[in-house]
Amino acid sequence: MNSKLLTDIITSPDSNNTITKSDLKKVFLRSIPMEFTWNYERQMSLGYCYAILPVLKKIYKNDPEKLRDAMVRHMEFYNTTPFIITFPLGITAAQELENATNPDFDVDQIATVKTAMMGPLAGIGDSFFWGTLRVLGTGIGTSLAIQGNFLGVILYLLIFNVPHFLMRYAGTFLGYNLGTGFLKKLEQSGSMQLLTYGAAIIGLMVAGSMTAEMVYLTLNIPVGVGKTATTLQAILDGIVPGLVPLGIFGLVYWALKKGMKPLTLTFLLMIIGILGAWLGILA
């Protein structure tokens, strides 16, 4: 990697708002335990906020209210491949710096760009690390381990983790430098609104896909008798596939907007699922 890319120091008009190589290294190190705080409510949000926090504290150190808003902003739902999480973290750092120094910056772009990257990065990262690198390392390590060679364990760890940490480290600086230069070009060309609109569309597509893939509910209510008998689920799927999960998602979203606690809602859904299965309403 170009050494200049790693040693560049981007300074804003306010000398207090300076992101250095040292700051980005803190982001890299704090990204390592990203999965330790994974949870079902917001998944990687807490780890993401923890990783970006040193940069936020430096950028907004003279404005506690903006620091609070930034921390809340990065506690929103987020999930992607942890091995390349530093790439969006670097871009986020660049966007937060731009937000602190540019009064015309649209702060909603930060969440929009993050969400737009979530799906594509997950597809690339999962395919490479889980689907390729892990299988390769396991194959080589296992072939030696079954012969009683302890080198198999070491080789597995090296084959998987050396590329992982190199990519994680480089992704921090690559994301930051890309984000800084890209934002300036967009501002100069006047294409920022177009980017935001496109990223918002991608983000909605990602959220919709996650709803269809991660929400499971099958109604087991019979309709009709004899050979013509079917189920309510089959009828609804014939009208709009995935209509029932979408309806449940809408109800959960509405309940959260009304102020219901996520934990309370989780237990309520568990009770409904158990009772529905026991009564035969849910398959």
Protein backbone atom coordinates (compact mmCIF):
# COMPACT_ATOMS: atom_id res chain seq x y z
CA MET A 1 0.00 0.00 0.00
CA ASN A 2 1.16 3.54 -0.76
CA SER A 3 2.86 4.87 2.37
CA LYS A 4 1.46 8.33 1.71
CA LEU A 5 -2.04 6.90 2.04
CA LEU A 6 -1.23 5.76 5.57
CA THR A 7 0.56 8.91 6.70
CA ASP A 8 -1.68 11.62 5.29
CA ILE A 9 -3.11 13.96 7.93
CA ILE A 10 -6.34 15.66 6.95
CA THR A 11 -6.80 18.96 8.76
CA SER A 12 -10.02 20.92 8.79
CA PRO A 13 -10.17 24.74 9.08
CA ASP A 14 -10.55 24.25 12.83
CA SER A 15 -7.23 22.95 14.14
CA ASN A 16 -9.08 21.09 16.89
CA ASN A 17 -10.83 18.96 14.28
CA THR A 18 -7.89 16.97 12.98
CA ILE A 19 -8.02 13.26 12.21
CA THR A 20 -4.56 11.73 12.19
CA LYS A 21 -3.10 8.32 11.51
CA SER A 22 -3.05 7.73 15.28
CA ASP A 23 -6.79 8.40 15.52
CA LEU A 24 -7.54 5.97 12.71
CA LYS A 25 -5.36 3.33 14.37
CA LYS A 26 -7.60 3.62 17.45
CA VAL A 27 -10.61 3.00 15.23
CA PHE A 28 -8.87 -0.09 13.80
CA LEU A 29 -8.02 -1.50 17.24
CA ARG A 30 -11.48 -0.82 18.62
CA SER A 31 -13.06 -2.57 15.64
CA ILE A 32 -11.48 -5.92 16.60
CA PRO A 33 -14.01 -6.77 19.38
CA MET A 34 -16.88 -5.65 17.11
CA GLU A 35 -18.76 -8.94 17.49
CA PHE A 36 -18.41 -9.07 21.28
CA THR A 37 -21.36 -6.72 21.73
CA TRP A 38 -23.52 -8.18 18.94
CA ASN A 39 -27.16 -8.31 19.97
CA TYR A 40 -30.48 -9.18 18.37
CA GLU A 41 -31.95 -5.70 18.73
CA ARG A 42 -29.34 -3.61 16.88
CA GLN A 43 -26.67 -6.21 16.14
CA MET A 44 -23.32 -4.39 15.54
CA SER A 45 -24.45 -0.90 16.53
CA LEU A 46 -22.77 -0.80 19.96
CA GLY A 47 -19.47 -2.08 18.56
CA TYR A 48 -19.66 0.40 15.68
CA CYS A 49 -20.23 3.33 18.04
CA TYR A 50 -17.41 2.14 20.32
CA ALA A 51 -14.98 1.92 17.39
CA ILE A 52 -15.74 5.38 16.00
CA LEU A 53 -15.97 7.08 19.42
CA PRO A 54 -12.33 8.38 19.61
CA VAL A 55 -12.85 10.23 16.33
CA LEU A 56 -16.22 11.62 17.44
CA LYS A 57 -14.79 12.86 20.75
CA LYS A 58 -12.00 14.66 18.93
CA ILE A 59 -14.20 16.22 16.25
CA TYR A 60 -16.95 17.36 18.63
CA LYS A 61 -14.93 17.91 21.80
CA ASN A 62 -16.10 21.52 22.02
CA ASP A 63 -19.75 20.68 21.35
CA PRO A 64 -21.18 18.05 23.75
CA GLU A 65 -24.62 18.23 22.14
CA LYS A 66 -23.29 17.33 18.69
CA LEU A 67 -21.18 14.57 20.25
CA ARG A 68 -24.30 13.14 21.86
CA ASP A 69 -26.20 13.32 18.57
CA ALA A 70 -23.34 11.57 16.76
CA MET A 71 -23.23 8.77 19.33
CA VAL A 72 -27.00 8.27 19.04
CA ARG A 73 -26.63 8.28 15.26
CA HIS A 74 -24.21 5.36 15.38
CA MET A 75 -26.28 3.35 17.84
CA GLU A 76 -28.79 2.61 15.09
CA PHE A 77 -29.14 -0.90 13.69
CA TYR A 78 -26.10 -2.02 11.68
CA ASN A 79 -24.75 -5.35 10.51
CA THR A 80 -22.21 -6.46 7.91
CA THR A 81 -19.12 -8.67 7.65
CA PRO A 82 -16.93 -7.81 10.70
CA PHE A 83 -13.66 -8.40 8.85
CA ILE A 84 -14.14 -5.36 6.60
CA ILE A 85 -16.10 -3.20 9.02
CA THR A 86 -13.24 -0.68 9.09
CA PHE A 87 -14.02 0.41 5.52
CA PRO A 88 -17.41 1.94 6.41
CA LEU A 89 -15.90 3.16 9.70
CA GLY A 90 -13.28 5.11 7.74
CA ILE A 91 -15.91 6.63 5.47
CA THR A 92 -18.02 7.52 8.51
CA ALA A 93 -15.05 9.29 10.09
CA ALA A 94 -14.63 11.39 6.94
CA GLN A 95 -18.33 12.21 6.86
CA GLU A 96 -18.41 13.21 10.52
CA LEU A 97 -15.45 15.53 9.93
CA GLU A 98 -17.27 17.05 6.97
CA ASN A 99 -20.39 17.46 9.10
CA ALA A 100 -18.39 19.30 11.77
CA THR A 101 -16.76 21.72 9.33
CA ASN A 102 -19.37 22.20 6.61
CA PRO A 103 -22.59 23.94 7.76
CA ASP A 104 -24.34 22.87 4.52
CA PHE A 105 -23.64 19.18 5.01
CA ASP A 106 -26.74 16.98 5.22
CA VAL A 107 -26.22 14.84 8.33
CA ASP A 108 -28.74 12.26 7.08
CA GLN A 109 -26.18 11.24 4.45
CA ILE A 110 -24.08 9.54 7.14
CA ALA A 111 -26.73 6.93 7.99
CA THR A 112 -27.80 6.65 4.34
CA VAL A 113 -24.31 5.81 3.07
CA LYS A 114 -23.72 3.36 5.95
CA THR A 115 -26.94 1.51 5.18
CA ALA A 116 -26.23 1.41 1.46
CA MET A 117 -22.86 -0.29 2.09
CA MET A 118 -24.23 -2.83 4.54
CA GLY A 119 -25.61 -5.37 2.04
CA PRO A 120 -22.90 -5.25 -0.67
CA LEU A 121 -20.06 -5.44 1.87
CA ALA A 122 -21.73 -8.36 3.63
CA GLY A 123 -22.02 -10.25 0.34
CA ILE A 124 -18.38 -9.67 -0.58
CA GLY A 125 -16.99 -10.27 2.90
CA ASP A 126 -19.01 -13.40 3.64
CA SER A 127 -18.11 -14.94 0.27
CA PHE A 128 -14.39 -14.28 0.68
CA PHE A 129 -13.81 -14.85 4.41
CA TRP A 130 -16.47 -17.41 5.35
CA GLY A 131 -16.95 -19.10 2.01
CA THR A 132 -13.36 -19.17 0.69
CA LEU A 133 -10.64 -18.30 3.19
CA ARG A 134 -12.09 -20.25 6.11
CA VAL A 135 -12.65 -23.34 3.96
CA LEU A 136 -9.11 -23.10 2.56
CA GLY A 137 -7.56 -22.67 6.00
CA THR A 138 -9.67 -25.49 7.47
CA GLY A 139 -8.72 -27.87 4.65
CA ILE A 140 -4.99 -27.25 5.03
CA GLY A 141 -5.08 -27.19 8.83
CA THR A 142 -7.21 -30.34 9.14
CA SER A 143 -5.04 -32.34 6.73
CA LEU A 144 -2.06 -31.72 9.01
CA ALA A 145 -3.96 -32.01 12.30
CA ILE A 146 -5.32 -35.52 11.57
CA GLN A 147 -1.69 -36.62 11.15
CA GLY A 148 -0.96 -35.34 14.65
CA ASN A 149 0.92 -32.27 13.39
CA PHE A 150 0.26 -29.27 15.62
CA LEU A 151 1.34 -27.04 12.73
CA GLY A 152 -2.16 -27.58 11.31
CA VAL A 153 -3.71 -25.40 14.02
CA ILE A 154 -1.12 -22.67 13.53
CA LEU A 155 -1.50 -22.70 9.75
CA TYR A 156 -5.27 -22.42 10.02
CA LEU A 157 -5.01 -19.40 12.29
CA LEU A 158 -2.42 -17.76 10.04
CA ILE A 159 -4.24 -18.43 6.76
CA PHE A 160 -7.45 -16.95 8.11
CA ASN A 161 -6.20 -14.13 10.33
CA VAL A 162 -3.23 -12.64 8.44
CA PRO A 163 -5.36 -11.54 5.43
CA HIS A 164 -8.14 -10.56 7.83
CA PHE A 165 -6.04 -8.17 9.91
CA LEU A 166 -4.22 -6.75 6.88
CA MET A 167 -7.53 -5.98 5.19
CA ARG A 168 -9.05 -4.64 8.41
CA TYR A 169 -6.08 -2.30 8.96
CA ALA A 170 -5.89 -1.09 5.37
CA GLY A 171 -9.67 -0.66 5.17
CA THR A 172 -9.60 1.99 7.89
CA PHE A 173 -7.31 4.30 5.93
CA LEU A 174 -8.74 3.40 2.54
CA GLY A 175 -12.27 4.21 3.69
CA TYR A 176 -11.22 7.50 5.29
CA ASN A 177 -9.17 8.73 2.34
CA LEU A 178 -11.80 7.60 -0.14
CA GLY A 179 -14.53 9.26 1.90
CA THR A 180 -12.64 12.55 2.23
CA GLY A 181 -11.75 12.86 -1.46
CA PHE A 182 -15.10 11.56 -2.67
CA LEU A 183 -17.10 13.99 -0.55
CA LYS A 184 -15.09 16.96 -1.81
CA LYS A 185 -15.58 15.92 -5.44
CA LEU A 186 -19.30 15.49 -4.92
CA GLU A 187 -19.59 18.90 -3.30
CA GLN A 188 -17.73 20.52 -6.19
CA SER A 189 -19.79 18.74 -8.85
CA GLY A 190 -23.12 19.28 -7.09
CA SER A 191 -23.92 15.55 -7.15
CA MET A 192 -24.33 15.09 -3.40
CA GLN A 193 -28.14 15.02 -3.54
CA LEU A 194 -28.04 12.42 -6.31
CA LEU A 195 -25.73 10.22 -4.24
CA THR A 196 -27.96 10.55 -1.18
CA TYR A 197 -31.05 9.64 -3.20
CA GLY A 198 -29.35 6.60 -4.75
CA ALA A 199 -27.95 5.44 -1.42
CA ALA A 200 -31.39 5.81 0.18
CA ILE A 201 -32.91 3.56 -2.50
CA ILE A 202 -30.22 0.91 -1.94
CA GLY A 203 -30.70 1.16 1.81
CA LEU A 204 -34.44 0.57 1.47
CA MET A 205 -33.76 -2.42 -0.78
CA VAL A 206 -31.40 -3.85 1.84
CA ALA A 207 -33.95 -3.33 4.62
CA GLY A 208 -36.68 -4.93 2.50
CA SER A 209 -34.51 -7.94 1.67
CA MET A 210 -33.63 -8.42 5.33
CA THR A 211 -37.34 -8.36 6.22
CA ALA A 212 -38.11 -11.07 3.67
CA GLU A 213 -35.14 -13.25 4.69
CA MET A 214 -35.06 -12.83 8.46
CA VAL A 215 -38.75 -12.69 9.46
CA TYR A 216 -40.38 -16.13 9.51
CA LEU A 217 -44.07 -16.76 10.08
CA THR A 218 -46.32 -19.43 8.54
CA LEU A 219 -50.07 -19.49 9.15
CA ASN A 220 -51.56 -22.97 9.50
CA ILE A 221 -55.21 -21.96 9.25
CA PRO A 222 -57.14 -24.32 6.89
CA VAL A 223 -59.45 -22.93 4.25
CA GLY A 224 -61.99 -25.24 2.56
CA VAL A 225 -62.52 -28.99 2.90
CA GLY A 226 -61.67 -32.13 0.99
CA LYS A 227 -59.40 -32.07 -2.04
CA THR A 228 -59.91 -28.34 -2.48
CA ALA A 229 -58.69 -27.58 1.02
CA THR A 230 -55.77 -25.21 1.31
CA THR A 231 -54.31 -22.89 3.94
CA LEU A 232 -54.63 -19.19 4.50
CA GLN A 233 -50.83 -18.96 4.12
CA ALA A 234 -50.99 -20.41 0.59
CA ILE A 235 -53.73 -17.96 -0.39
CA LEU A 236 -51.79 -14.96 0.93
CA ASP A 237 -48.58 -16.16 -0.77
CA GLY A 238 -50.53 -16.40 -4.01
CA ILE A 239 -51.55 -12.76 -3.66
CA VAL A 240 -48.22 -11.31 -2.46
CA PRO A 241 -45.35 -13.65 -1.43
CA GLY A 242 -43.99 -12.65 1.97
CA LEU A 243 -47.11 -10.66 2.88
CA VAL A 244 -47.36 -12.18 6.38
CA PRO A 245 -43.73 -11.41 7.40
CA LEU A 246 -44.18 -7.91 6.00
CA GLY A 247 -47.31 -7.46 8.10
CA ILE A 248 -45.52 -8.61 11.26
CA PHE A 249 -42.61 -6.29 10.48
CA GLY A 250 -45.06 -3.40 10.09
CA LEU A 251 -46.72 -4.16 13.41
CA VAL A 252 -43.36 -4.36 15.20
CA TYR A 253 -42.24 -1.08 13.62
CA TRP A 254 -45.52 0.58 14.68
CA ALA A 255 -45.14 -0.75 18.25
CA LEU A 256 -41.58 0.58 18.51
CA LYS A 257 -42.71 3.97 17.23
CA LYS A 258 -45.40 3.99 19.91
CA GLY A 259 -42.70 3.57 22.56
CA MET A 260 -42.89 -0.15 23.35
CA LYS A 261 -39.62 -1.48 24.74
CA PRO A 262 -37.73 -3.87 22.38
CA LEU A 263 -37.27 -6.45 25.15
CA THR A 264 -40.98 -6.39 25.97
CA LEU A 265 -41.81 -6.78 22.30
CA THR A 266 -39.38 -9.70 21.97
CA PHE A 267 -41.01 -11.62 24.84
CA LEU A 268 -44.48 -10.82 23.47
CA LEU A 269 -43.54 -12.27 20.07
CA MET A 270 -42.11 -15.36 21.79
CA ILE A 271 -45.36 -15.90 23.69
CA ILE A 272 -47.46 -15.42 20.53
CA GLY A 273 -45.22 -17.91 18.68
CA ILE A 274 -45.45 -20.56 21.39
CA LEU A 275 -49.22 -20.19 21.83
CA GLY A 276 -49.78 -20.11 18.08
CA ALA A 277 -47.81 -23.31 17.57
CA TRP A 278 -49.57 -25.02 20.51
CA LEU A 279 -53.02 -24.08 19.17
CA GLY A 280 -52.04 -25.12 15.66
CA ILE A 281 -52.53 -21.63 14.20
CA LEU A 282 -48.86 -21.26 13.34
CA ALA A 283 -46.86 -23.92 11.52
